[in-house]
Amino acid sequence: MDLPGLYNYWIVILLMMTGFYIVISQRNLIKKIVGLNIFQVSVFLLYITVGKVSGGTAPIIAEGFEVYSNPLPSVLILTAIVVGVATTAVGLALVARINEEYGTIEEDEIQAADPES
């Protein structure tokens, strides 16, 4: 097994664990959204890595080509990027609204100020 040849998987693991750590360790809502985006990018890289075929070409039948790459992972990632941008925008809009209501974006201060909790 060629561990240095699998560097892209190590990058995916590093990004995934970094994003996960940011989400669970930070109390600032903006930082949590950034952590979720880092985690999301790691998933994108994983799918792109799996979809790449060494020596493969676009799936257009032509003479002289034997190995083709699957375009489905790329299409799914394009869709996931659009959904990710939209959910990030909604999350940031919610954080802005929370800041208007409570005057802070720190999770502890919001919980302390909420009379229902």
PDB file of N, CA and C in Angstrom:
ATOM      1  N   MET A   1       0.849  -1.179   0.000  1.00  0.00           N
ATOM      2  CA  MET A   1       0.000   0.000   0.000  1.00  0.00           C
ATOM      3  C   MET A   1       0.891   1.238   0.000  1.00  0.00           C
ATOM      4  N   ASP A   2       0.564   2.194  -0.850  1.00  0.00           N
ATOM      5  CA  ASP A   2       1.369   3.393  -1.030  1.00  0.00           C
ATOM      6  C   ASP A   2       0.732   4.555  -0.264  1.00  0.00           C
ATOM      7  N   LEU A   3       1.132   4.743   1.004  1.00  0.00           N
ATOM      8  CA  LEU A   3       0.520   5.793   1.830  1.00  0.00           C
ATOM      9  C   LEU A   3       0.775   7.199   1.309  1.00  0.00           C
ATOM     10  N   PRO A   4       2.001   7.534   0.883  1.00  0.00           N
ATOM     11  CA  PRO A   4       2.174   8.890   0.349  1.00  0.00           C
ATOM     12  C   PRO A   4       1.345   9.138  -0.913  1.00  0.00           C
ATOM     13  N   GLY A   5       1.020   8.094  -1.651  1.00  0.00           N
ATOM     14  CA  GLY A   5       0.209   8.254  -2.856  1.00  0.00           C
ATOM     15  C   GLY A   5      -1.251   8.542  -2.553  1.00  0.00           C
ATOM     16  N   LEU A   6      -1.637   8.355  -1.305  1.00  0.00           N
ATOM     17  CA  LEU A   6      -3.019   8.615  -0.896  1.00  0.00           C
ATOM     18  C   LEU A   6      -3.129   9.958  -0.162  1.00  0.00           C
ATOM     19  N   TYR A   7      -2.286  10.916  -0.522  1.00  0.00           N
ATOM     20  CA  TYR A   7      -2.257  12.199   0.176  1.00  0.00           C
ATOM     21  C   TYR A   7      -3.588  12.931   0.116  1.00  0.00           C
ATOM     22  N   ASN A   8      -4.345  12.745  -0.962  1.00  0.00           N
ATOM     23  CA  ASN A   8      -5.630  13.436  -1.066  1.00  0.00           C
ATOM     24  C   ASN A   8      -6.605  12.957   0.006  1.00  0.00           C
ATOM     25  N   TYR A   9      -6.548  11.687   0.386  1.00  0.00           N
ATOM     26  CA  TYR A   9      -7.403  11.188   1.460  1.00  0.00           C
ATOM     27  C   TYR A   9      -6.967  11.758   2.811  1.00  0.00           C
ATOM     28  N   TRP A  10      -5.655  11.925   2.997  1.00  0.00           N
ATOM     29  CA  TRP A  10      -5.171  12.546   4.231  1.00  0.00           C
ATOM     30  C   TRP A  10      -5.633  13.993   4.325  1.00  0.00           C
ATOM     31  N   ILE A  11      -5.656  14.695   3.205  1.00  0.00           N
ATOM     32  CA  ILE A  11      -6.149  16.073   3.196  1.00  0.00           C
ATOM     33  C   ILE A  11      -7.634  16.104   3.539  1.00  0.00           C
ATOM     34  N   VAL A  12      -8.395  15.160   2.989  1.00  0.00           N
ATOM     35  CA  VAL A  12      -9.826  15.071   3.302  1.00  0.00           C
ATOM     36  C   VAL A  12     -10.022  14.831   4.794  1.00  0.00           C
ATOM     37  N   ILE A  13      -9.274  13.907   5.364  1.00  0.00           N
ATOM     38  CA  ILE A  13      -9.408  13.615   6.800  1.00  0.00           C
ATOM     39  C   ILE A  13      -9.019  14.828   7.636  1.00  0.00           C
ATOM     40  N   LEU A  14      -7.938  15.493   7.275  1.00  0.00           N
ATOM     41  CA  LEU A  14      -7.499  16.685   8.005  1.00  0.00           C
ATOM     42  C   LEU A  14      -8.559  17.781   7.970  1.00  0.00           C
ATOM     43  N   LEU A  15      -9.096  18.060   6.783  1.00  0.00           N
ATOM     44  CA  LEU A  15     -10.138  19.080   6.668  1.00  0.00           C
ATOM     45  C   LEU A  15     -11.408  18.689   7.425  1.00  0.00           C
ATOM     46  N   MET A  16     -11.780  17.420   7.329  1.00  0.00           N
ATOM     47  CA  MET A  16     -12.990  16.956   7.998  1.00  0.00           C
ATOM     48  C   MET A  16     -12.858  17.101   9.516  1.00  0.00           C
ATOM     49  N   MET A  17     -11.746  16.665  10.056  1.00  0.00           N
ATOM     50  CA  MET A  17     -11.560  16.752  11.507  1.00  0.00           C
ATOM     51  C   MET A  17     -11.396  18.198  11.966  1.00  0.00           C
ATOM     52  N   THR A  18     -10.785  19.043  11.143  1.00  0.00           N
ATOM     53  CA  THR A  18     -10.665  20.466  11.473  1.00  0.00           C
ATOM     54  C   THR A  18     -12.043  21.109  11.537  1.00  0.00           C
ATOM     55  N   GLY A  19     -12.864  20.864  10.534  1.00  0.00           N
ATOM     56  CA  GLY A  19     -14.216  21.414  10.526  1.00  0.00           C
ATOM     57  C   GLY A  19     -15.047  20.912  11.679  1.00  0.00           C
ATOM     58  N   PHE A  20     -14.946  19.611  11.964  1.00  0.00           N
ATOM     59  CA  PHE A  20     -15.695  19.027  13.079  1.00  0.00           C
ATOM     60  C   PHE A  20     -15.244  19.625  14.407  1.00  0.00           C
ATOM     61  N   TYR A  21     -13.941  19.797  14.582  1.00  0.00           N
ATOM     62  CA  TYR A  21     -13.421  20.385  15.820  1.00  0.00           C
ATOM     63  C   TYR A  21     -13.920  21.821  15.998  1.00  0.00           C
ATOM     64  N   ILE A  22     -13.916  22.587  14.932  1.00  0.00           N
ATOM     65  CA  ILE A  22     -14.397  23.970  15.019  1.00  0.00           C
ATOM     66  C   ILE A  22     -15.866  23.999  15.426  1.00  0.00           C
ATOM     67  N   VAL A  23     -16.667  23.118  14.860  1.00  0.00           N
ATOM     68  CA  VAL A  23     -18.098  23.100  15.172  1.00  0.00           C
ATOM     69  C   VAL A  23     -18.340  22.762  16.643  1.00  0.00           C
ATOM     70  N   ILE A  24     -17.626  21.788  17.179  1.00  0.00           N
ATOM     71  CA  ILE A  24     -17.904  21.380  18.560  1.00  0.00           C
ATOM     72  C   ILE A  24     -17.178  22.233  19.597  1.00  0.00           C
ATOM     73  N   SER A  25     -16.122  22.935  19.228  1.00  0.00           N
ATOM     74  CA  SER A  25     -15.347  23.672  20.226  1.00  0.00           C
ATOM     75  C   SER A  25     -15.704  25.153  20.312  1.00  0.00           C
ATOM     76  N   GLN A  26     -16.214  25.737  19.259  1.00  0.00           N
ATOM     77  CA  GLN A  26     -16.483  27.167  19.244  1.00  0.00           C
ATOM     78  C   GLN A  26     -17.893  27.475  19.733  1.00  0.00           C
ATOM     79  N   ARG A  27     -18.046  28.600  20.390  1.00  0.00           N
ATOM     80  CA  ARG A  27     -19.355  29.057  20.851  1.00  0.00           C
ATOM     81  C   ARG A  27     -19.901  30.187  19.979  1.00  0.00           C
ATOM     82  N   ASN A  28     -19.065  30.725  19.113  1.00  0.00           N
ATOM     83  CA  ASN A  28     -19.476  31.793  18.210  1.00  0.00           C
ATOM     84  C   ASN A  28     -20.198  31.171  17.012  1.00  0.00           C
ATOM     85  N   LEU A  29     -21.380  31.675  16.699  1.00  0.00           N
ATOM     86  CA  LEU A  29     -22.199  31.070  15.640  1.00  0.00           C
ATOM     87  C   LEU A  29     -21.565  31.214  14.254  1.00  0.00           C
ATOM     88  N   ILE A  30     -20.896  32.330  14.001  1.00  0.00           N
ATOM     89  CA  ILE A  30     -20.221  32.516  12.706  1.00  0.00           C
ATOM     90  C   ILE A  30     -19.103  31.480  12.552  1.00  0.00           C
ATOM     91  N   LYS A  31     -18.352  31.268  13.619  1.00  0.00           N
ATOM     92  CA  LYS A  31     -17.269  30.280  13.563  1.00  0.00           C
ATOM     93  C   LYS A  31     -17.823  28.877  13.345  1.00  0.00           C
ATOM     94  N   LYS A  32     -18.977  28.585  13.917  1.00  0.00           N
ATOM     95  CA  LYS A  32     -19.606  27.276  13.680  1.00  0.00           C
ATOM     96  C   LYS A  32     -19.982  27.113  12.211  1.00  0.00           C
ATOM     97  N   ILE A  33     -20.488  28.158  11.590  1.00  0.00           N
ATOM     98  CA  ILE A  33     -20.841  28.092  10.166  1.00  0.00           C
ATOM     99  C   ILE A  33     -19.585  27.894   9.319  1.00  0.00           C
ATOM    100  N   VAL A  34     -18.502  28.568   9.675  1.00  0.00           N
ATOM    101  CA  VAL A  34     -17.236  28.377   8.960  1.00  0.00           C
ATOM    102  C   VAL A  34     -16.754  26.935   9.118  1.00  0.00           C
ATOM    103  N   GLY A  35     -16.870  26.373  10.320  1.00  0.00           N
ATOM    104  CA  GLY A  35     -16.488  24.976  10.546  1.00  0.00           C
ATOM    105  C   GLY A  35     -17.318  24.017   9.708  1.00  0.00           C
ATOM    106  N   LEU A  36     -18.619  24.277   9.617  1.00  0.00           N
ATOM    107  CA  LEU A  36     -19.479  23.438   8.775  1.00  0.00           C
ATOM    108  C   LEU A  36     -19.080  23.538   7.306  1.00  0.00           C
ATOM    109  N   ASN A  37     -18.690  24.723   6.861  1.00  0.00           N
ATOM    110  CA  ASN A  37     -18.252  24.888   5.467  1.00  0.00           C
ATOM    111  C   ASN A  37     -16.941  24.151   5.201  1.00  0.00           C
ATOM    112  N   ILE A  38     -16.017  24.166   6.167  1.00  0.00           N
ATOM    113  CA  ILE A  38     -14.766  23.415   6.007  1.00  0.00           C
ATOM    114  C   ILE A  38     -15.068  21.920   5.931  1.00  0.00           C
ATOM    115  N   PHE A  39     -15.962  21.441   6.790  1.00  0.00           N
ATOM    116  CA  PHE A  39     -16.373  20.037   6.760  1.00  0.00           C
ATOM    117  C   PHE A  39     -16.993  19.700   5.403  1.00  0.00           C
ATOM    118  N   GLN A  40     -17.812  20.604   4.908  1.00  0.00           N
ATOM    119  CA  GLN A  40     -18.483  20.391   3.624  1.00  0.00           C
ATOM    120  C   GLN A  40     -17.470  20.314   2.476  1.00  0.00           C
ATOM    121  N   VAL A  41     -16.463  21.149   2.502  1.00  0.00           N
ATOM    122  CA  VAL A  41     -15.427  21.123   1.464  1.00  0.00           C
ATOM    123  C   VAL A  41     -14.685  19.788   1.484  1.00  0.00           C
ATOM    124  N   SER A  42     -14.479  19.235   2.676  1.00  0.00           N
ATOM    125  CA  SER A  42     -13.795  17.941   2.744  1.00  0.00           C
ATOM    126  C   SER A  42     -14.629  16.847   2.075  1.00  0.00           C
ATOM    127  N   VAL A  43     -15.938  16.903   2.239  1.00  0.00           N
ATOM    128  CA  VAL A  43     -16.806  15.920   1.575  1.00  0.00           C
ATOM    129  C   VAL A  43     -16.758  16.115   0.058  1.00  0.00           C
ATOM    130  N   PHE A  44     -16.741  17.358  -0.388  1.00  0.00           N
ATOM    131  CA  PHE A  44     -16.625  17.625  -1.824  1.00  0.00           C
ATOM    132  C   PHE A  44     -15.341  17.015  -2.374  1.00  0.00           C
ATOM    133  N   LEU A  45     -14.228  17.233  -1.676  1.00  0.00           N
ATOM    134  CA  LEU A  45     -12.948  16.683  -2.130  1.00  0.00           C
ATOM    135  C   LEU A  45     -12.959  15.161  -2.150  1.00  0.00           C
ATOM    136  N   LEU A  46     -13.627  14.554  -1.176  1.00  0.00           N
ATOM    137  CA  LEU A  46     -13.719  13.094  -1.148  1.00  0.00           C
ATOM    138  C   LEU A  46     -14.448  12.581  -2.390  1.00  0.00           C
ATOM    139  N   TYR A  47     -15.572  13.183  -2.719  1.00  0.00           N
ATOM    140  CA  TYR A  47     -16.325  12.738  -3.892  1.00  0.00           C
ATOM    141  C   TYR A  47     -15.563  12.987  -5.192  1.00  0.00           C
ATOM    142  N   ILE A  48     -14.875  14.103  -5.272  1.00  0.00           N
ATOM    143  CA  ILE A  48     -14.092  14.391  -6.472  1.00  0.00           C
ATOM    144  C   ILE A  48     -12.953  13.381  -6.605  1.00  0.00           C
ATOM    145  N   THR A  49     -12.316  13.042  -5.482  1.00  0.00           N
ATOM    146  CA  THR A  49     -11.230  12.065  -5.488  1.00  0.00           C
ATOM    147  C   THR A  49     -11.720  10.695  -5.941  1.00  0.00           C
ATOM    148  N   VAL A  50     -12.875  10.280  -5.442  1.00  0.00           N
ATOM    149  CA  VAL A  50     -13.420   8.975  -5.811  1.00  0.00           C
ATOM    150  C   VAL A  50     -13.809   8.949  -7.282  1.00  0.00           C
ATOM    151  N   GLY A  51     -14.277  10.082  -7.803  1.00  0.00           N
ATOM    152  CA  GLY A  51     -14.750  10.128  -9.186  1.00  0.00           C
ATOM    153  C   GLY A  51     -13.654  10.199 -10.231  1.00  0.00           C
ATOM    154  N   LYS A  52     -12.423  10.490  -9.832  1.00  0.00           N
ATOM    155  CA  LYS A  52     -11.327  10.607 -10.798  1.00  0.00           C
ATOM    156  C   LYS A  52     -10.765   9.237 -11.140  1.00  0.00           C
ATOM    157  N   VAL A  53     -10.676   8.954 -12.411  1.00  0.00           N
ATOM    158  CA  VAL A  53     -10.088   7.707 -12.900  1.00  0.00           C
ATOM    159  C   VAL A  53      -8.761   8.051 -13.562  1.00  0.00           C
ATOM    160  N   SER A  54      -7.709   7.418 -13.116  1.00  0.00           N
ATOM    161  CA  SER A  54      -6.386   7.687 -13.666  1.00  0.00           C
ATOM    162  C   SER A  54      -6.343   7.278 -15.142  1.00  0.00           C
ATOM    163  N   GLY A  55      -6.001   8.218 -15.988  1.00  0.00           N
ATOM    164  CA  GLY A  55      -5.931   7.960 -17.423  1.00  0.00           C
ATOM    165  C   GLY A  55      -7.275   8.002 -18.110  1.00  0.00           C
ATOM    166  N   GLY A  56      -8.329   8.313 -17.367  1.00  0.00           N
ATOM    167  CA  GLY A  56      -9.676   8.356 -17.947  1.00  0.00           C
ATOM    168  C   GLY A  56      -9.927   9.660 -18.680  1.00  0.00           C
ATOM    169  N   THR A  57     -10.839   9.595 -19.614  1.00  0.00           N
ATOM    170  CA  THR A  57     -11.213  10.770 -20.390  1.00  0.00           C
ATOM    171  C   THR A  57     -12.715  11.010 -20.240  1.00  0.00           C
ATOM    172  N   ALA A  58     -13.177  12.089 -20.789  1.00  0.00           N
ATOM    173  CA  ALA A  58     -14.606  12.388 -20.733  1.00  0.00           C
ATOM    174  C   ALA A  58     -15.396  11.264 -21.406  1.00  0.00           C
ATOM    175  N   PRO A  59     -16.597  10.983 -20.896  1.00  0.00           N
ATOM    176  CA  PRO A  59     -17.355   9.844 -21.444  1.00  0.00           C
ATOM    177  C   PRO A  59     -18.002  10.150 -22.791  1.00  0.00           C
ATOM    178  N   ILE A  60     -17.156  10.426 -23.758  1.00  0.00           N
ATOM    179  CA  ILE A  60     -17.604  10.645 -25.133  1.00  0.00           C
ATOM    180  C   ILE A  60     -16.972   9.526 -25.964  1.00  0.00           C
ATOM    181  N   ILE A  61     -17.814   8.730 -26.574  1.00  0.00           N
ATOM    182  CA  ILE A  61     -17.314   7.589 -27.337  1.00  0.00           C
ATOM    183  C   ILE A  61     -16.526   8.096 -28.539  1.00  0.00           C
ATOM    184  N   ALA A  62     -15.249   7.722 -28.550  1.00  0.00           N
ATOM    185  CA  ALA A  62     -14.383   8.122 -29.662  1.00  0.00           C
ATOM    186  C   ALA A  62     -13.348   7.017 -29.870  1.00  0.00           C
ATOM    187  N   GLU A  63     -12.806   7.002 -31.032  1.00  0.00           N
ATOM    188  CA  GLU A  63     -11.825   5.984 -31.366  1.00  0.00           C
ATOM    189  C   GLU A  63     -10.517   6.264 -30.626  1.00  0.00           C
ATOM    190  N   GLY A  64      -9.951   5.217 -30.034  1.00  0.00           N
ATOM    191  CA  GLY A  64      -8.671   5.357 -29.350  1.00  0.00           C
ATOM    192  C   GLY A  64      -8.786   5.515 -27.850  1.00  0.00           C
ATOM    193  N   PHE A  65      -9.975   5.638 -27.326  1.00  0.00           N
ATOM    194  CA  PHE A  65     -10.157   5.781 -25.876  1.00  0.00           C
ATOM    195  C   PHE A  65     -10.790   4.528 -25.320  1.00  0.00           C
ATOM    196  N   GLU A  66     -10.191   4.024 -24.257  1.00  0.00           N
ATOM    197  CA  GLU A  66     -10.681   2.794 -23.630  1.00  0.00           C
ATOM    198  C   GLU A  66     -11.226   3.046 -22.222  1.00  0.00           C
ATOM    199  N   VAL A  67     -10.637   4.021 -21.517  1.00  0.00           N
ATOM    200  CA  VAL A  67     -10.980   4.275 -20.114  1.00  0.00           C
ATOM    201  C   VAL A  67     -11.711   5.613 -20.022  1.00  0.00           C
ATOM    202  N   TYR A  68     -12.856   5.595 -19.357  1.00  0.00           N
ATOM    203  CA  TYR A  68     -13.670   6.805 -19.223  1.00  0.00           C
ATOM    204  C   TYR A  68     -13.889   7.136 -17.753  1.00  0.00           C
ATOM    205  N   SER A  69     -13.955   8.420 -17.458  1.00  0.00           N
ATOM    206  CA  SER A  69     -14.265   8.873 -16.102  1.00  0.00           C
ATOM    207  C   SER A  69     -15.777   9.008 -15.949  1.00  0.00           C
ATOM    208  N   ASN A  70     -16.257   8.736 -14.753  1.00  0.00           N
ATOM    209  CA  ASN A  70     -17.676   8.862 -14.460  1.00  0.00           C
ATOM    210  C   ASN A  70     -17.990  10.330 -14.169  1.00  0.00           C
ATOM    211  N   PRO A  71     -18.903  10.959 -14.908  1.00  0.00           N
ATOM    212  CA  PRO A  71     -19.213  12.371 -14.668  1.00  0.00           C
ATOM    213  C   PRO A  71     -20.184  12.599 -13.509  1.00  0.00           C
ATOM    214  N   LEU A  72     -20.806  11.545 -12.994  1.00  0.00           N
ATOM    215  CA  LEU A  72     -21.816  11.708 -11.956  1.00  0.00           C
ATOM    216  C   LEU A  72     -21.285  12.368 -10.686  1.00  0.00           C
ATOM    217  N   PRO A  73     -20.114  11.998 -10.154  1.00  0.00           N
ATOM    218  CA  PRO A  73     -19.630  12.697  -8.951  1.00  0.00           C
ATOM    219  C   PRO A  73     -19.450  14.200  -9.163  1.00  0.00           C
ATOM    220  N   SER A  74     -18.968  14.596 -10.313  1.00  0.00           N
ATOM    221  CA  SER A  74     -18.792  16.025 -10.594  1.00  0.00           C
ATOM    222  C   SER A  74     -20.131  16.749 -10.636  1.00  0.00           C
ATOM    223  N   VAL A  75     -21.110  16.120 -11.233  1.00  0.00           N
ATOM    224  CA  VAL A  75     -22.448  16.728 -11.302  1.00  0.00           C
ATOM    225  C   VAL A  75     -23.044  16.841  -9.904  1.00  0.00           C
ATOM    226  N   LEU A  76     -22.886  15.807  -9.103  1.00  0.00           N
ATOM    227  CA  LEU A  76     -23.399  15.849  -7.739  1.00  0.00           C
ATOM    228  C   LEU A  76     -22.705  16.927  -6.919  1.00  0.00           C
ATOM    229  N   ILE A  77     -21.421  17.109  -7.108  1.00  0.00           N
ATOM    230  CA  ILE A  77     -20.690  18.123  -6.358  1.00  0.00           C
ATOM    231  C   ILE A  77     -21.118  19.519  -6.780  1.00  0.00           C
ATOM    232  N   LEU A  78     -21.348  19.733  -8.061  1.00  0.00           N
ATOM    233  CA  LEU A  78     -21.849  21.045  -8.500  1.00  0.00           C
ATOM    234  C   LEU A  78     -23.182  21.370  -7.829  1.00  0.00           C
ATOM    235  N   THR A  79     -24.053  20.385  -7.756  1.00  0.00           N
ATOM    236  CA  THR A  79     -25.332  20.580  -7.084  1.00  0.00           C
ATOM    237  C   THR A  79     -25.121  20.824  -5.595  1.00  0.00           C
ATOM    238  N   ALA A  80     -24.224  20.075  -4.979  1.00  0.00           N
ATOM    239  CA  ALA A  80     -23.960  20.234  -3.550  1.00  0.00           C
ATOM    240  C   ALA A  80     -23.351  21.597  -3.232  1.00  0.00           C
ATOM    241  N   ILE A  81     -22.535  22.130  -4.127  1.00  0.00           N
ATOM    242  CA  ILE A  81     -21.962  23.464  -3.925  1.00  0.00           C
ATOM    243  C   ILE A  81     -23.064  24.510  -3.907  1.00  0.00           C
ATOM    244  N   VAL A  82     -23.992  24.410  -4.835  1.00  0.00           N
ATOM    245  CA  VAL A  82     -25.109  25.363  -4.886  1.00  0.00           C
ATOM    246  C   VAL A  82     -25.942  25.269  -3.613  1.00  0.00           C
ATOM    247  N   VAL A  83     -26.247  24.049  -3.189  1.00  0.00           N
ATOM    248  CA  VAL A  83     -27.019  23.862  -1.952  1.00  0.00           C
ATOM    249  C   VAL A  83     -26.227  24.373  -0.755  1.00  0.00           C
ATOM    250  N   GLY A  84     -24.925  24.131  -0.733  1.00  0.00           N
ATOM    251  CA  GLY A  84     -24.081  24.602   0.365  1.00  0.00           C
ATOM    252  C   GLY A  84     -24.038  26.114   0.471  1.00  0.00           C
ATOM    253  N   VAL A  85     -23.937  26.785  -0.661  1.00  0.00           N
ATOM    254  CA  VAL A  85     -23.940  28.252  -0.652  1.00  0.00           C
ATOM    255  C   VAL A  85     -25.285  28.776  -0.152  1.00  0.00           C
ATOM    256  N   ALA A  86     -26.360  28.151  -0.584  1.00  0.00           N
ATOM    257  CA  ALA A  86     -27.694  28.583  -0.153  1.00  0.00           C
ATOM    258  C   ALA A  86     -27.891  28.358   1.347  1.00  0.00           C
ATOM    259  N   THR A  87     -27.480  27.209   1.855  1.00  0.00           N
ATOM    260  CA  THR A  87     -27.651  26.961   3.290  1.00  0.00           C
ATOM    261  C   THR A  87     -26.733  27.852   4.128  1.00  0.00           C
ATOM    262  N   THR A  88     -25.558  28.166   3.623  1.00  0.00           N
ATOM    263  CA  THR A  88     -24.679  29.111   4.320  1.00  0.00           C
ATOM    264  C   THR A  88     -25.325  30.487   4.381  1.00  0.00           C
ATOM    265  N   ALA A  89     -25.933  30.908   3.288  1.00  0.00           N
ATOM    266  CA  ALA A  89     -26.614  32.203   3.277  1.00  0.00           C
ATOM    267  C   ALA A  89     -27.773  32.236   4.272  1.00  0.00           C
ATOM    268  N   VAL A  90     -28.541  31.155   4.328  1.00  0.00           N
ATOM    269  CA  VAL A  90     -29.649  31.077   5.297  1.00  0.00           C
ATOM    270  C   VAL A  90     -29.103  31.088   6.720  1.00  0.00           C
ATOM    271  N   GLY A  91     -28.034  30.334   6.959  1.00  0.00           N
ATOM    272  CA  GLY A  91     -27.426  30.310   8.284  1.00  0.00           C
ATOM    273  C   GLY A  91     -26.924  31.679   8.712  1.00  0.00           C
ATOM    274  N   LEU A  92     -26.281  32.395   7.805  1.00  0.00           N
ATOM    275  CA  LEU A  92     -25.795  33.735   8.128  1.00  0.00           C
ATOM    276  C   LEU A  92     -26.946  34.711   8.347  1.00  0.00           C
ATOM    277  N   ALA A  93     -28.026  34.538   7.589  1.00  0.00           N
ATOM    278  CA  ALA A  93     -29.205  35.384   7.809  1.00  0.00           C
ATOM    279  C   ALA A  93     -29.812  35.105   9.182  1.00  0.00           C
ATOM    280  N   LEU A  94     -29.856  33.855   9.592  1.00  0.00           N
ATOM    281  CA  LEU A  94     -30.351  33.517  10.933  1.00  0.00           C
ATOM    282  C   LEU A  94     -29.449  34.092  12.016  1.00  0.00           C
ATOM    283  N   VAL A  95     -28.150  34.038  11.814  1.00  0.00           N
ATOM    284  CA  VAL A  95     -27.219  34.609  12.785  1.00  0.00           C
ATOM    285  C   VAL A  95     -27.423  36.121  12.880  1.00  0.00           C
ATOM    286  N   ALA A  96     -27.643  36.783  11.751  1.00  0.00           N
ATOM    287  CA  ALA A  96     -27.908  38.229  11.776  1.00  0.00           C
ATOM    288  C   ALA A  96     -29.184  38.528  12.552  1.00  0.00           C
ATOM    289  N   ARG A  97     -30.214  37.724  12.355  1.00  0.00           N
ATOM    290  CA  ARG A  97     -31.481  37.913  13.077  1.00  0.00           C
ATOM    291  C   ARG A  97     -31.309  37.634  14.568  1.00  0.00           C
ATOM    292  N   ILE A  98     -30.547  36.596  14.915  1.00  0.00           N
ATOM    293  CA  ILE A  98     -30.260  36.295  16.320  1.00  0.00           C
ATOM    294  C   ILE A  98     -29.498  37.451  16.957  1.00  0.00           C
ATOM    295  N   ASN A  99     -28.553  38.016  16.225  1.00  0.00           N
ATOM    296  CA  ASN A  99     -27.793  39.160  16.736  1.00  0.00           C
ATOM    297  C   ASN A  99     -28.706  40.363  16.975  1.00  0.00           C
ATOM    298  N   GLU A 100     -29.678  40.581  16.101  1.00  0.00           N
ATOM    299  CA  GLU A 100     -30.632  41.673  16.304  1.00  0.00           C
ATOM    300  C   GLU A 100     -31.471  41.446  17.560  1.00  0.00           C
ATOM    301  N   GLU A 101     -31.866  40.209  17.787  1.00  0.00           N
ATOM    302  CA  GLU A 101     -32.752  39.891  18.915  1.00  0.00           C
ATOM    303  C   GLU A 101     -32.016  39.884  20.252  1.00  0.00           C
ATOM    304  N   TYR A 102     -30.837  39.250  20.290  1.00  0.00           N
ATOM    305  CA  TYR A 102     -30.128  39.061  21.550  1.00  0.00           C
ATOM    306  C   TYR A 102     -28.924  39.982  21.738  1.00  0.00           C
ATOM    307  N   GLY A 103     -28.471  40.625  20.672  1.00  0.00           N
ATOM    308  CA  GLY A 103     -27.315  41.515  20.773  1.00  0.00           C
ATOM    309  C   GLY A 103     -25.982  40.797  20.842  1.00  0.00           C
ATOM    310  N   THR A 104     -25.960  39.511  20.551  1.00  0.00           N
ATOM    311  CA  THR A 104     -24.728  38.731  20.575  1.00  0.00           C
ATOM    312  C   THR A 104     -24.871  37.520  19.658  1.00  0.00           C
ATOM    313  N   ILE A 105     -23.726  36.968  19.287  1.00  0.00           N
ATOM    314  CA  ILE A 105     -23.744  35.719  18.507  1.00  0.00           C
ATOM    315  C   ILE A 105     -22.999  34.626  19.248  1.00  0.00           C
ATOM    316  N   GLU A 106     -22.741  34.838  20.541  1.00  0.00           N
ATOM    317  CA  GLU A 106     -22.110  33.826  21.385  1.00  0.00           C
ATOM    318  C   GLU A 106     -23.187  32.922  21.966  1.00  0.00           C
ATOM    319  N   GLU A 107     -23.017  31.616  21.787  1.00  0.00           N
ATOM    320  CA  GLU A 107     -24.029  30.641  22.180  1.00  0.00           C
ATOM    321  C   GLU A 107     -24.361  30.702  23.675  1.00  0.00           C
ATOM    322  N   ASP A 108     -23.343  30.845  24.521  1.00  0.00           N
ATOM    323  CA  ASP A 108     -23.565  30.885  25.964  1.00  0.00           C
ATOM    324  C   ASP A 108     -24.394  32.098  26.379  1.00  0.00           C
ATOM    325  N   GLU A 109     -24.089  33.250  25.788  1.00  0.00           N
ATOM    326  CA  GLU A 109     -24.817  34.476  26.130  1.00  0.00           C
ATOM    327  C   GLU A 109     -26.261  34.420  25.644  1.00  0.00           C
ATOM    328  N   ILE A 110     -26.482  33.787  24.507  1.00  0.00           N
ATOM    329  CA  ILE A 110     -27.854  33.640  23.986  1.00  0.00           C
ATOM    330  C   ILE A 110     -28.662  32.738  24.906  1.00  0.00           C
ATOM    331  N   GLN A 111     -28.093  31.629  25.332  1.00  0.00           N
ATOM    332  CA  GLN A 111     -28.795  30.729  26.236  1.00  0.00           C
ATOM    333  C   GLN A 111     -29.071  31.372  27.586  1.00  0.00           C
ATOM    334  N   ALA A 112     -28.146  32.189  28.076  1.00  0.00           N
ATOM    335  CA  ALA A 112     -28.337  32.866  29.350  1.00  0.00           C
ATOM    336  C   ALA A 112     -29.422  33.938  29.246  1.00  0.00           C
ATOM    337  N   ALA A 113     -29.543  34.575  28.083  1.00  0.00           N
ATOM    338  CA  ALA A 113     -30.519  35.650  27.903  1.00  0.00           C
ATOM    339  C   ALA A 113     -31.905  35.131  27.569  1.00  0.00           C
ATOM    340  N   ASP A 114     -32.012  33.886  27.162  1.00  0.00           N
ATOM    341  CA  ASP A 114     -33.308  33.326  26.774  1.00  0.00           C
ATOM    342  C   ASP A 114     -34.090  32.901  28.021  1.00  0.00           C
ATOM    343  N   PRO A 115     -35.248  33.497  28.282  1.00  0.00           N
ATOM    344  CA  PRO A 115     -36.000  33.173  29.499  1.00  0.00           C
ATOM    345  C   PRO A 115     -36.631  31.779  29.462  1.00  0.00           C
ATOM    346  N   GLU A 116     -36.789  31.184  28.280  1.00  0.00           N
ATOM    347  CA  GLU A 116     -37.445  29.888  28.152  1.00  0.00           C
ATOM    348  C   GLU A 116     -36.517  28.713  28.454  1.00  0.00           C
ATOM    349  N   SER A 117     -35.208  28.955  28.494  1.00  0.00           N
ATOM    350  CA  SER A 117     -34.289  27.826  28.694  1.00  0.00           C
ATOM    351  C   SER A 117     -33.905  27.637  30.139  1.00  0.00           C
TER     352      SER A 117
END
